[in-house]
Amino acid sequence: MVHEMTTTAFTIEGYRVTKTLGIVRGIVVRSRSIFGTLGSSLQTLVGGNITGFTKLCEQARGDAFDMMVSHAGHLGANAVIGVRYDGGEIMQGVSEVLCYGTAVYVEPV
């Protein structure tokens, strides 16, 4: 399945859903290293974008998305609709990112 066949919408223009295969998800749990936390903490003193944390979050979201797409592919889907992200802190310094959606099989209209 290609990433272009994923959307936050519940339809894909030019396609119709012919089969709904169920909810798919990818979840990543990450902790920050002491060095990354220290560097990012120093960056907060200056203000602005905290690049260390931004890269960590972007990587976690990307990994969760890839896991979701893989899960959909295993079910036989060629698209995922209604894609959403959720996240939270499990314990201090340990965060989770969840990416989920509905796996579907679509055909061109």
PDB file of N, CA and C in Angstrom:
ATOM      1  N   MET A   1       0.842  -1.183   0.000  1.00  0.00           N
ATOM      2  CA  MET A   1       0.000   0.000   0.000  1.00  0.00           C
ATOM      3  C   MET A   1       0.884   1.242   0.000  1.00  0.00           C
ATOM      4  N   VAL A   2       0.527   2.234  -0.778  1.00  0.00           N
ATOM      5  CA  VAL A   2       1.311   3.465  -0.855  1.00  0.00           C
ATOM      6  C   VAL A   2       0.747   4.498   0.119  1.00  0.00           C
ATOM      7  N   HIS A   3       1.622   5.321   0.642  1.00  0.00           N
ATOM      8  CA  HIS A   3       1.221   6.330   1.626  1.00  0.00           C
ATOM      9  C   HIS A   3       0.233   7.338   1.057  1.00  0.00           C
ATOM     10  N   GLU A   4       0.233   7.514  -0.257  1.00  0.00           N
ATOM     11  CA  GLU A   4      -0.685   8.470  -0.878  1.00  0.00           C
ATOM     12  C   GLU A   4      -2.136   8.032  -0.730  1.00  0.00           C
ATOM     13  N   MET A   5      -2.351   6.775  -0.403  1.00  0.00           N
ATOM     14  CA  MET A   5      -3.712   6.259  -0.246  1.00  0.00           C
ATOM     15  C   MET A   5      -4.145   6.279   1.218  1.00  0.00           C
ATOM     16  N   THR A   6      -3.643   7.254   1.958  1.00  0.00           N
ATOM     17  CA  THR A   6      -4.076   7.466   3.338  1.00  0.00           C
ATOM     18  C   THR A   6      -4.609   8.890   3.435  1.00  0.00           C
ATOM     19  N   THR A   7      -5.610   9.070   4.262  1.00  0.00           N
ATOM     20  CA  THR A   7      -6.193  10.401   4.392  1.00  0.00           C
ATOM     21  C   THR A   7      -6.884  10.551   5.746  1.00  0.00           C
ATOM     22  N   THR A   8      -6.976  11.779   6.201  1.00  0.00           N
ATOM     23  CA  THR A   8      -7.737  12.068   7.414  1.00  0.00           C
ATOM     24  C   THR A   8      -9.229  12.152   7.101  1.00  0.00           C
ATOM     25  N   ALA A   9      -9.552  12.280   5.826  1.00  0.00           N
ATOM     26  CA  ALA A   9     -10.958  12.313   5.395  1.00  0.00           C
ATOM     27  C   ALA A   9     -11.522  10.890   5.413  1.00  0.00           C
ATOM     28  N   PHE A  10     -12.806  10.776   5.149  1.00  0.00           N
ATOM     29  CA  PHE A  10     -13.441   9.468   5.134  1.00  0.00           C
ATOM     30  C   PHE A  10     -13.766   8.993   3.718  1.00  0.00           C
ATOM     31  N   THR A  11     -13.272   9.746   2.745  1.00  0.00           N
ATOM     32  CA  THR A  11     -13.387   9.358   1.346  1.00  0.00           C
ATOM     33  C   THR A  11     -12.094   9.744   0.651  1.00  0.00           C
ATOM     34  N   ILE A  12     -11.820   9.089  -0.478  1.00  0.00           N
ATOM     35  CA  ILE A  12     -10.686   9.453  -1.315  1.00  0.00           C
ATOM     36  C   ILE A  12     -11.266   9.820  -2.677  1.00  0.00           C
ATOM     37  N   GLU A  13     -11.030  11.051  -3.088  1.00  0.00           N
ATOM     38  CA  GLU A  13     -11.602  11.537  -4.336  1.00  0.00           C
ATOM     39  C   GLU A  13     -11.210  10.637  -5.502  1.00  0.00           C
ATOM     40  N   GLY A  14     -12.213  10.253  -6.286  1.00  0.00           N
ATOM     41  CA  GLY A  14     -11.981   9.404  -7.442  1.00  0.00           C
ATOM     42  C   GLY A  14     -12.032   7.910  -7.137  1.00  0.00           C
ATOM     43  N   TYR A  15     -12.283   7.566  -5.878  1.00  0.00           N
ATOM     44  CA  TYR A  15     -12.334   6.160  -5.470  1.00  0.00           C
ATOM     45  C   TYR A  15     -13.597   5.915  -4.653  1.00  0.00           C
ATOM     46  N   ARG A  16     -14.036   4.681  -4.640  1.00  0.00           N
ATOM     47  CA  ARG A  16     -15.145   4.302  -3.766  1.00  0.00           C
ATOM     48  C   ARG A  16     -14.702   3.117  -2.913  1.00  0.00           C
ATOM     49  N   VAL A  17     -15.147   3.112  -1.685  1.00  0.00           N
ATOM     50  CA  VAL A  17     -14.828   2.017  -0.766  1.00  0.00           C
ATOM     51  C   VAL A  17     -15.688   0.820  -1.143  1.00  0.00           C
ATOM     52  N   THR A  18     -15.027  -0.302  -1.405  1.00  0.00           N
ATOM     53  CA  THR A  18     -15.770  -1.523  -1.735  1.00  0.00           C
ATOM     54  C   THR A  18     -15.756  -2.526  -0.577  1.00  0.00           C
ATOM     55  N   LYS A  19     -14.818  -2.332   0.347  1.00  0.00           N
ATOM     56  CA  LYS A  19     -14.741  -3.237   1.493  1.00  0.00           C
ATOM     57  C   LYS A  19     -14.072  -2.517   2.662  1.00  0.00           C
ATOM     58  N   THR A  20     -14.675  -2.618   3.832  1.00  0.00           N
ATOM     59  CA  THR A  20     -14.088  -2.083   5.062  1.00  0.00           C
ATOM     60  C   THR A  20     -13.479  -3.253   5.820  1.00  0.00           C
ATOM     61  N   LEU A  21     -12.199  -3.124   6.149  1.00  0.00           N
ATOM     62  CA  LEU A  21     -11.462  -4.231   6.754  1.00  0.00           C
ATOM     63  C   LEU A  21     -11.225  -4.068   8.254  1.00  0.00           C
ATOM     64  N   GLY A  22     -11.542  -2.906   8.791  1.00  0.00           N
ATOM     65  CA  GLY A  22     -11.432  -2.708  10.233  1.00  0.00           C
ATOM     66  C   GLY A  22     -10.418  -1.657  10.636  1.00  0.00           C
ATOM     67  N   ILE A  23     -10.315  -1.468  11.912  1.00  0.00           N
ATOM     68  CA  ILE A  23      -9.405  -0.474  12.489  1.00  0.00           C
ATOM     69  C   ILE A  23      -7.975  -1.002  12.436  1.00  0.00           C
ATOM     70  N   VAL A  24      -7.066  -0.127  12.052  1.00  0.00           N
ATOM     71  CA  VAL A  24      -5.644  -0.461  12.056  1.00  0.00           C
ATOM     72  C   VAL A  24      -4.915   0.587  12.879  1.00  0.00           C
ATOM     73  N   ARG A  25      -3.763   0.173  13.420  1.00  0.00           N
ATOM     74  CA  ARG A  25      -3.035   1.109  14.280  1.00  0.00           C
ATOM     75  C   ARG A  25      -1.549   0.802  14.261  1.00  0.00           C
ATOM     76  N   GLY A  26      -0.812   1.793  14.647  1.00  0.00           N
ATOM     77  CA  GLY A  26       0.612   1.653  14.900  1.00  0.00           C
ATOM     78  C   GLY A  26       0.902   2.423  16.165  1.00  0.00           C
ATOM     79  N   ILE A  27       1.667   1.848  17.057  1.00  0.00           N
ATOM     80  CA  ILE A  27       1.976   2.514  18.325  1.00  0.00           C
ATOM     81  C   ILE A  27       3.475   2.445  18.575  1.00  0.00           C
ATOM     82  N   VAL A  28       4.009   3.569  19.025  1.00  0.00           N
ATOM     83  CA  VAL A  28       5.434   3.679  19.334  1.00  0.00           C
ATOM     84  C   VAL A  28       5.553   4.268  20.732  1.00  0.00           C
ATOM     85  N   VAL A  29       6.391   3.668  21.546  1.00  0.00           N
ATOM     86  CA  VAL A  29       6.685   4.196  22.881  1.00  0.00           C
ATOM     87  C   VAL A  29       8.155   4.548  22.901  1.00  0.00           C
ATOM     88  N   ARG A  30       8.455   5.795  23.229  1.00  0.00           N
ATOM     89  CA  ARG A  30       9.833   6.279  23.195  1.00  0.00           C
ATOM     90  C   ARG A  30      10.202   6.954  24.503  1.00  0.00           C
ATOM     91  N   SER A  31      11.476   6.830  24.834  1.00  0.00           N
ATOM     92  CA  SER A  31      12.009   7.592  25.968  1.00  0.00           C
ATOM     93  C   SER A  31      13.075   8.525  25.428  1.00  0.00           C
ATOM     94  N   ARG A  32      13.273   9.591  26.132  1.00  0.00           N
ATOM     95  CA  ARG A  32      14.310  10.548  25.749  1.00  0.00           C
ATOM     96  C   ARG A  32      15.615  10.141  26.407  1.00  0.00           C
ATOM     97  N   SER A  33      16.695  10.281  25.657  1.00  0.00           N
ATOM     98  CA  SER A  33      18.000  10.006  26.248  1.00  0.00           C
ATOM     99  C   SER A  33      18.392  11.163  27.157  1.00  0.00           C
ATOM    100  N   ILE A  34      19.259  10.904  28.086  1.00  0.00           N
ATOM    101  CA  ILE A  34      19.725  11.951  29.005  1.00  0.00           C
ATOM    102  C   ILE A  34      20.432  13.066  28.243  1.00  0.00           C
ATOM    103  N   PHE A  35      21.157  12.705  27.179  1.00  0.00           N
ATOM    104  CA  PHE A  35      21.876  13.713  26.404  1.00  0.00           C
ATOM    105  C   PHE A  35      20.915  14.577  25.598  1.00  0.00           C
ATOM    106  N   GLY A  36      19.899  13.929  24.997  1.00  0.00           N
ATOM    107  CA  GLY A  36      18.900  14.684  24.243  1.00  0.00           C
ATOM    108  C   GLY A  36      18.097  15.600  25.137  1.00  0.00           C
ATOM    109  N   THR A  37      17.751  15.108  26.326  1.00  0.00           N
ATOM    110  CA  THR A  37      16.992  15.908  27.280  1.00  0.00           C
ATOM    111  C   THR A  37      17.813  17.096  27.763  1.00  0.00           C
ATOM    112  N   LEU A  38      19.078  16.863  28.048  1.00  0.00           N
ATOM    113  CA  LEU A  38      19.957  17.931  28.515  1.00  0.00           C
ATOM    114  C   LEU A  38      20.113  19.008  27.448  1.00  0.00           C
ATOM    115  N   GLY A  39      20.383  18.586  26.214  1.00  0.00           N
ATOM    116  CA  GLY A  39      20.547  19.550  25.115  1.00  0.00           C
ATOM    117  C   GLY A  39      19.276  20.335  24.858  1.00  0.00           C
ATOM    118  N   SER A  40      18.146  19.652  24.889  1.00  0.00           N
ATOM    119  CA  SER A  40      16.868  20.319  24.652  1.00  0.00           C
ATOM    120  C   SER A  40      16.511  21.243  25.809  1.00  0.00           C
ATOM    121  N   SER A  41      16.864  20.857  27.023  1.00  0.00           N
ATOM    122  CA  SER A  41      16.609  21.715  28.181  1.00  0.00           C
ATOM    123  C   SER A  41      17.388  23.017  28.065  1.00  0.00           C
ATOM    124  N   LEU A  42      18.607  22.926  27.598  1.00  0.00           N
ATOM    125  CA  LEU A  42      19.412  24.142  27.395  1.00  0.00           C
ATOM    126  C   LEU A  42      18.805  25.020  26.313  1.00  0.00           C
ATOM    127  N   GLN A  43      18.233  24.395  25.288  1.00  0.00           N
ATOM    128  CA  GLN A  43      17.632  25.149  24.194  1.00  0.00           C
ATOM    129  C   GLN A  43      16.389  25.907  24.660  1.00  0.00           C
ATOM    130  N   THR A  44      15.707  25.418  25.705  1.00  0.00           N
ATOM    131  CA  THR A  44      14.529  26.120  26.209  1.00  0.00           C
ATOM    132  C   THR A  44      14.894  27.465  26.814  1.00  0.00           C
ATOM    133  N   LEU A  45      16.122  27.613  27.247  1.00  0.00           N
ATOM    134  CA  LEU A  45      16.558  28.888  27.817  1.00  0.00           C
ATOM    135  C   LEU A  45      16.567  29.991  26.776  1.00  0.00           C
ATOM    136  N   VAL A  46      16.835  29.623  25.525  1.00  0.00           N
ATOM    137  CA  VAL A  46      16.904  30.593  24.435  1.00  0.00           C
ATOM    138  C   VAL A  46      15.522  30.834  23.841  1.00  0.00           C
ATOM    139  N   GLY A  47      14.665  29.829  23.889  1.00  0.00           N
ATOM    140  CA  GLY A  47      13.324  29.944  23.316  1.00  0.00           C
ATOM    141  C   GLY A  47      13.290  29.447  21.885  1.00  0.00           C
ATOM    142  N   GLY A  48      12.101  29.400  21.341  1.00  0.00           N
ATOM    143  CA  GLY A  48      11.931  28.962  19.960  1.00  0.00           C
ATOM    144  C   GLY A  48      11.711  27.471  19.841  1.00  0.00           C
ATOM    145  N   ASN A  49      11.898  26.967  18.630  1.00  0.00           N
ATOM    146  CA  ASN A  49      11.687  25.549  18.335  1.00  0.00           C
ATOM    147  C   ASN A  49      12.766  24.710  19.011  1.00  0.00           C
ATOM    148  N   ILE A  50      12.352  23.706  19.740  1.00  0.00           N
ATOM    149  CA  ILE A  50      13.295  22.810  20.414  1.00  0.00           C
ATOM    150  C   ILE A  50      13.529  21.644  19.460  1.00  0.00           C
ATOM    151  N   THR A  51      14.557  21.766  18.643  1.00  0.00           N
ATOM    152  CA  THR A  51      14.780  20.852  17.523  1.00  0.00           C
ATOM    153  C   THR A  51      14.976  19.401  17.949  1.00  0.00           C
ATOM    154  N   GLY A  52      15.607  19.157  19.069  1.00  0.00           N
ATOM    155  CA  GLY A  52      15.811  17.787  19.535  1.00  0.00           C
ATOM    156  C   GLY A  52      14.501  17.077  19.784  1.00  0.00           C
ATOM    157  N   PHE A  53      13.577  17.757  20.451  1.00  0.00           N
ATOM    158  CA  PHE A  53      12.269  17.170  20.725  1.00  0.00           C
ATOM    159  C   PHE A  53      11.426  17.102  19.455  1.00  0.00           C
ATOM    160  N   THR A  54      11.560  18.092  18.594  1.00  0.00           N
ATOM    161  CA  THR A  54      10.819  18.078  17.333  1.00  0.00           C
ATOM    162  C   THR A  54      11.206  16.867  16.498  1.00  0.00           C
ATOM    163  N   LYS A  55      12.495  16.596  16.392  1.00  0.00           N
ATOM    164  CA  LYS A  55      12.963  15.437  15.622  1.00  0.00           C
ATOM    165  C   LYS A  55      12.477  14.132  16.248  1.00  0.00           C
ATOM    166  N   LEU A  56      12.515  14.045  17.569  1.00  0.00           N
ATOM    167  CA  LEU A  56      12.054  12.852  18.273  1.00  0.00           C
ATOM    168  C   LEU A  56      10.566  12.614  18.020  1.00  0.00           C
ATOM    169  N   CYS A  57       9.767  13.667  18.117  1.00  0.00           N
ATOM    170  CA  CYS A  57       8.321  13.539  17.888  1.00  0.00           C
ATOM    171  C   CYS A  57       8.027  13.177  16.441  1.00  0.00           C
ATOM    172  N   GLU A  58       8.708  13.816  15.506  1.00  0.00           N
ATOM    173  CA  GLU A  58       8.480  13.533  14.091  1.00  0.00           C
ATOM    174  C   GLU A  58       8.846  12.090  13.753  1.00  0.00           C
ATOM    175  N   GLN A  59       9.935  11.605  14.316  1.00  0.00           N
ATOM    176  CA  GLN A  59      10.345  10.226  14.071  1.00  0.00           C
ATOM    177  C   GLN A  59       9.332   9.247  14.671  1.00  0.00           C
ATOM    178  N   ALA A  60       8.857   9.523  15.870  1.00  0.00           N
ATOM    179  CA  ALA A  60       7.870   8.648  16.511  1.00  0.00           C
ATOM    180  C   ALA A  60       6.576   8.627  15.707  1.00  0.00           C
ATOM    181  N   ARG A  61       6.122   9.788  15.227  1.00  0.00           N
ATOM    182  CA  ARG A  61       4.897   9.837  14.420  1.00  0.00           C
ATOM    183  C   ARG A  61       5.079   9.085  13.111  1.00  0.00           C
ATOM    184  N   GLY A  62       6.236   9.260  12.479  1.00  0.00           N
ATOM    185  CA  GLY A  62       6.520   8.556  11.230  1.00  0.00           C
ATOM    186  C   GLY A  62       6.550   7.049  11.417  1.00  0.00           C
ATOM    187  N   ASP A  63       7.173   6.603  12.498  1.00  0.00           N
ATOM    188  CA  ASP A  63       7.232   5.164  12.777  1.00  0.00           C
ATOM    189  C   ASP A  63       5.839   4.595  13.057  1.00  0.00           C
ATOM    190  N   ALA A  64       5.030   5.320  13.824  1.00  0.00           N
ATOM    191  CA  ALA A  64       3.671   4.863  14.124  1.00  0.00           C
ATOM    192  C   ALA A  64       2.833   4.805  12.848  1.00  0.00           C
ATOM    193  N   PHE A  65       2.996   5.804  11.983  1.00  0.00           N
ATOM    194  CA  PHE A  65       2.273   5.823  10.702  1.00  0.00           C
ATOM    195  C   PHE A  65       2.671   4.624   9.844  1.00  0.00           C
ATOM    196  N   ASP A  66       3.972   4.367   9.741  1.00  0.00           N
ATOM    197  CA  ASP A  66       4.452   3.230   8.949  1.00  0.00           C
ATOM    198  C   ASP A  66       3.913   1.905   9.488  1.00  0.00           C
ATOM    199  N   MET A  67       3.843   1.772  10.811  1.00  0.00           N
ATOM    200  CA  MET A  67       3.299   0.554  11.418  1.00  0.00           C
ATOM    201  C   MET A  67       1.821   0.401  11.075  1.00  0.00           C
ATOM    202  N   MET A  68       1.078   1.516  11.096  1.00  0.00           N
ATOM    203  CA  MET A  68      -0.336   1.475  10.767  1.00  0.00           C
ATOM    204  C   MET A  68      -0.536   1.035   9.318  1.00  0.00           C
ATOM    205  N   VAL A  69       0.240   1.614   8.402  1.00  0.00           N
ATOM    206  CA  VAL A  69       0.143   1.272   6.983  1.00  0.00           C
ATOM    207  C   VAL A  69       0.489  -0.206   6.776  1.00  0.00           C
ATOM    208  N   SER A  70       1.493  -0.694   7.477  1.00  0.00           N
ATOM    209  CA  SER A  70       1.872  -2.100   7.385  1.00  0.00           C
ATOM    210  C   SER A  70       0.741  -3.001   7.884  1.00  0.00           C
ATOM    211  N   HIS A  71       0.137  -2.618   8.997  1.00  0.00           N
ATOM    212  CA  HIS A  71      -0.996  -3.372   9.552  1.00  0.00           C
ATOM    213  C   HIS A  71      -2.129  -3.435   8.517  1.00  0.00           C
ATOM    214  N   ALA A  72      -2.411  -2.317   7.875  1.00  0.00           N
ATOM    215  CA  ALA A  72      -3.457  -2.270   6.850  1.00  0.00           C
ATOM    216  C   ALA A  72      -3.114  -3.187   5.680  1.00  0.00           C
ATOM    217  N   GLY A  73      -1.867  -3.174   5.258  1.00  0.00           N
ATOM    218  CA  GLY A  73      -1.431  -4.033   4.162  1.00  0.00           C
ATOM    219  C   GLY A  73      -1.607  -5.507   4.484  1.00  0.00           C
ATOM    220  N   HIS A  74      -1.339  -5.882   5.726  1.00  0.00           N
ATOM    221  CA  HIS A  74      -1.509  -7.277   6.150  1.00  0.00           C
ATOM    222  C   HIS A  74      -2.973  -7.711   6.098  1.00  0.00           C
ATOM    223  N   LEU A  75      -3.878  -6.751   6.245  1.00  0.00           N
ATOM    224  CA  LEU A  75      -5.303  -7.068   6.170  1.00  0.00           C
ATOM    225  C   LEU A  75      -5.815  -7.098   4.731  1.00  0.00           C
ATOM    226  N   GLY A  76      -4.981  -6.687   3.780  1.00  0.00           N
ATOM    227  CA  GLY A  76      -5.391  -6.651   2.379  1.00  0.00           C
ATOM    228  C   GLY A  76      -5.933  -5.319   1.925  1.00  0.00           C
ATOM    229  N   ALA A  77      -5.733  -4.291   2.725  1.00  0.00           N
ATOM    230  CA  ALA A  77      -6.222  -2.952   2.371  1.00  0.00           C
ATOM    231  C   ALA A  77      -5.314  -2.307   1.325  1.00  0.00           C
ATOM    232  N   ASN A  78      -5.886  -1.402   0.546  1.00  0.00           N
ATOM    233  CA  ASN A  78      -5.082  -0.583  -0.348  1.00  0.00           C
ATOM    234  C   ASN A  78      -5.230   0.894  -0.016  1.00  0.00           C
ATOM    235  N   ALA A  79      -5.933   1.189   1.101  1.00  0.00           N
ATOM    236  CA  ALA A  79      -6.089   2.567   1.563  1.00  0.00           C
ATOM    237  C   ALA A  79      -6.452   2.561   3.049  1.00  0.00           C
ATOM    238  N   VAL A  80      -6.191   3.709   3.685  1.00  0.00           N
ATOM    239  CA  VAL A  80      -6.606   3.912   5.083  1.00  0.00           C
ATOM    240  C   VAL A  80      -7.272   5.277   5.141  1.00  0.00           C
ATOM    241  N   ILE A  81      -8.490   5.298   5.656  1.00  0.00           N
ATOM    242  CA  ILE A  81      -9.233   6.552   5.780  1.00  0.00           C
ATOM    243  C   ILE A  81      -9.415   6.892   7.260  1.00  0.00           C
ATOM    244  N   GLY A  82      -9.719   8.162   7.519  1.00  0.00           N
ATOM    245  CA  GLY A  82      -9.960   8.593   8.894  1.00  0.00           C
ATOM    246  C   GLY A  82      -8.726   8.514   9.770  1.00  0.00           C
ATOM    247  N   VAL A  83      -7.560   8.772   9.196  1.00  0.00           N
ATOM    248  CA  VAL A  83      -6.303   8.654   9.944  1.00  0.00           C
ATOM    249  C   VAL A  83      -6.230   9.727  11.033  1.00  0.00           C
ATOM    250  N   ARG A  84      -5.827   9.307  12.206  1.00  0.00           N
ATOM    251  CA  ARG A  84      -5.684  10.203  13.359  1.00  0.00           C
ATOM    252  C   ARG A  84      -4.427   9.828  14.134  1.00  0.00           C
ATOM    253  N   TYR A  85      -3.951  10.793  14.914  1.00  0.00           N
ATOM    254  CA  TYR A  85      -2.836  10.579  15.837  1.00  0.00           C
ATOM    255  C   TYR A  85      -3.307  10.872  17.248  1.00  0.00           C
ATOM    256  N   ASP A  86      -2.717  10.178  18.193  1.00  0.00           N
ATOM    257  CA  ASP A  86      -2.958  10.453  19.605  1.00  0.00           C
ATOM    258  C   ASP A  86      -1.635  10.216  20.314  1.00  0.00           C
ATOM    259  N   GLY A  87      -1.447  10.836  21.418  1.00  0.00           N
ATOM    260  CA  GLY A  87      -0.204  10.650  22.153  1.00  0.00           C
ATOM    261  C   GLY A  87      -0.382  11.009  23.608  1.00  0.00           C
ATOM    262  N   GLY A  88       0.564  10.580  24.386  1.00  0.00           N
ATOM    263  CA  GLY A  88       0.518  10.897  25.799  1.00  0.00           C
ATOM    264  C   GLY A  88       1.793  10.463  26.483  1.00  0.00           C
ATOM    265  N   GLU A  89       1.916  10.885  27.710  1.00  0.00           N
ATOM    266  CA  GLU A  89       3.083  10.521  28.504  1.00  0.00           C
ATOM    267  C   GLU A  89       2.697   9.356  29.407  1.00  0.00           C
ATOM    268  N   ILE A  90       3.419   8.254  29.291  1.00  0.00           N
ATOM    269  CA  ILE A  90       3.154   7.070  30.097  1.00  0.00           C
ATOM    270  C   ILE A  90       3.744   7.243  31.491  1.00  0.00           C
ATOM    271  N   MET A  91       4.957   7.740  31.532  1.00  0.00           N
ATOM    272  CA  MET A  91       5.628   8.097  32.771  1.00  0.00           C
ATOM    273  C   MET A  91       6.616   9.204  32.423  1.00  0.00           C
ATOM    274  N   GLN A  92       7.218   9.812  33.382  1.00  0.00           N
ATOM    275  CA  GLN A  92       8.108  10.932  33.115  1.00  0.00           C
ATOM    276  C   GLN A  92       9.210  10.512  32.149  1.00  0.00           C
ATOM    277  N   GLY A  93       9.269  11.215  31.025  1.00  0.00           N
ATOM    278  CA  GLY A  93      10.300  10.948  30.030  1.00  0.00           C
ATOM    279  C   GLY A  93       9.971   9.835  29.051  1.00  0.00           C
ATOM    280  N   VAL A  94       8.802   9.206  29.202  1.00  0.00           N
ATOM    281  CA  VAL A  94       8.392   8.121  28.298  1.00  0.00           C
ATOM    282  C   VAL A  94       7.044   8.493  27.686  1.00  0.00           C
ATOM    283  N   SER A  95       7.033   8.593  26.363  1.00  0.00           N
ATOM    284  CA  SER A  95       5.823   9.010  25.653  1.00  0.00           C
ATOM    285  C   SER A  95       5.394   7.959  24.645  1.00  0.00           C
ATOM    286  N   GLU A  96       4.103   7.958  24.352  1.00  0.00           N
ATOM    287  CA  GLU A  96       3.567   7.070  23.331  1.00  0.00           C
ATOM    288  C   GLU A  96       2.962   7.911  22.215  1.00  0.00           C
ATOM    289  N   VAL A  97       3.040   7.375  21.003  1.00  0.00           N
ATOM    290  CA  VAL A  97       2.367   7.967  19.856  1.00  0.00           C
ATOM    291  C   VAL A  97       1.572   6.853  19.197  1.00  0.00           C
ATOM    292  N   LEU A  98       0.302   7.104  18.972  1.00  0.00           N
ATOM    293  CA  LEU A  98      -0.594   6.151  18.344  1.00  0.00           C
ATOM    294  C   LEU A  98      -1.105   6.759  17.048  1.00  0.00           C
ATOM    295  N   CYS A  99      -1.040   6.007  15.973  1.00  0.00           N
ATOM    296  CA  CYS A  99      -1.613   6.411  14.694  1.00  0.00           C
ATOM    297  C   CYS A  99      -2.643   5.352  14.337  1.00  0.00           C
ATOM    298  N   TYR A 100      -3.858   5.786  14.009  1.00  0.00           N
ATOM    299  CA  TYR A 100      -4.909   4.807  13.727  1.00  0.00           C
ATOM    300  C   TYR A 100      -5.842   5.309  12.641  1.00  0.00           C
ATOM    301  N   GLY A 101      -6.553   4.386  12.040  1.00  0.00           N
ATOM    302  CA  GLY A 101      -7.509   4.709  10.995  1.00  0.00           C
ATOM    303  C   GLY A 101      -8.307   3.468  10.629  1.00  0.00           C
ATOM    304  N   THR A 102      -9.076   3.575   9.556  1.00  0.00           N
ATOM    305  CA  THR A 102      -9.879   2.468   9.074  1.00  0.00           C
ATOM    306  C   THR A 102      -9.283   1.934   7.785  1.00  0.00           C
ATOM    307  N   ALA A 103      -8.939   0.655   7.789  1.00  0.00           N
ATOM    308  CA  ALA A 103      -8.386   0.002   6.600  1.00  0.00           C
ATOM    309  C   ALA A 103      -9.538  -0.317   5.652  1.00  0.00           C
ATOM    310  N   VAL A 104      -9.356   0.048   4.394  1.00  0.00           N
ATOM    311  CA  VAL A 104     -10.393  -0.184   3.397  1.00  0.00           C
ATOM    312  C   VAL A 104      -9.775  -0.663   2.086  1.00  0.00           C
ATOM    313  N   TYR A 105     -10.613  -1.253   1.260  1.00  0.00           N
ATOM    314  CA  TYR A 105     -10.212  -1.578  -0.103  1.00  0.00           C
ATOM    315  C   TYR A 105     -11.024  -0.641  -0.986  1.00  0.00           C
ATOM    316  N   VAL A 106     -10.337   0.115  -1.850  1.00  0.00           N
ATOM    317  CA  VAL A 106     -11.009   1.065  -2.727  1.00  0.00           C
ATOM    318  C   VAL A 106     -10.756   0.708  -4.189  1.00  0.00           C
ATOM    319  N   GLU A 107     -11.690   1.148  -5.024  1.00  0.00           N
ATOM    320  CA  GLU A 107     -11.571   0.983  -6.468  1.00  0.00           C
ATOM    321  C   GLU A 107     -11.857   2.322  -7.128  1.00  0.00           C
ATOM    322  N   PRO A 108     -11.199   2.600  -8.267  1.00  0.00           N
ATOM    323  CA  PRO A 108     -11.489   3.851  -8.977  1.00  0.00           C
ATOM    324  C   PRO A 108     -12.968   3.925  -9.375  1.00  0.00           C
ATOM    325  N   VAL A 109     -13.509   5.126  -9.352  1.00  0.00           N
ATOM    326  CA  VAL A 109     -14.912   5.339  -9.728  1.00  0.00           C
ATOM    327  C   VAL A 109     -15.013   5.290 -11.242  1.00  0.00           C
TER     328      VAL A 109
END
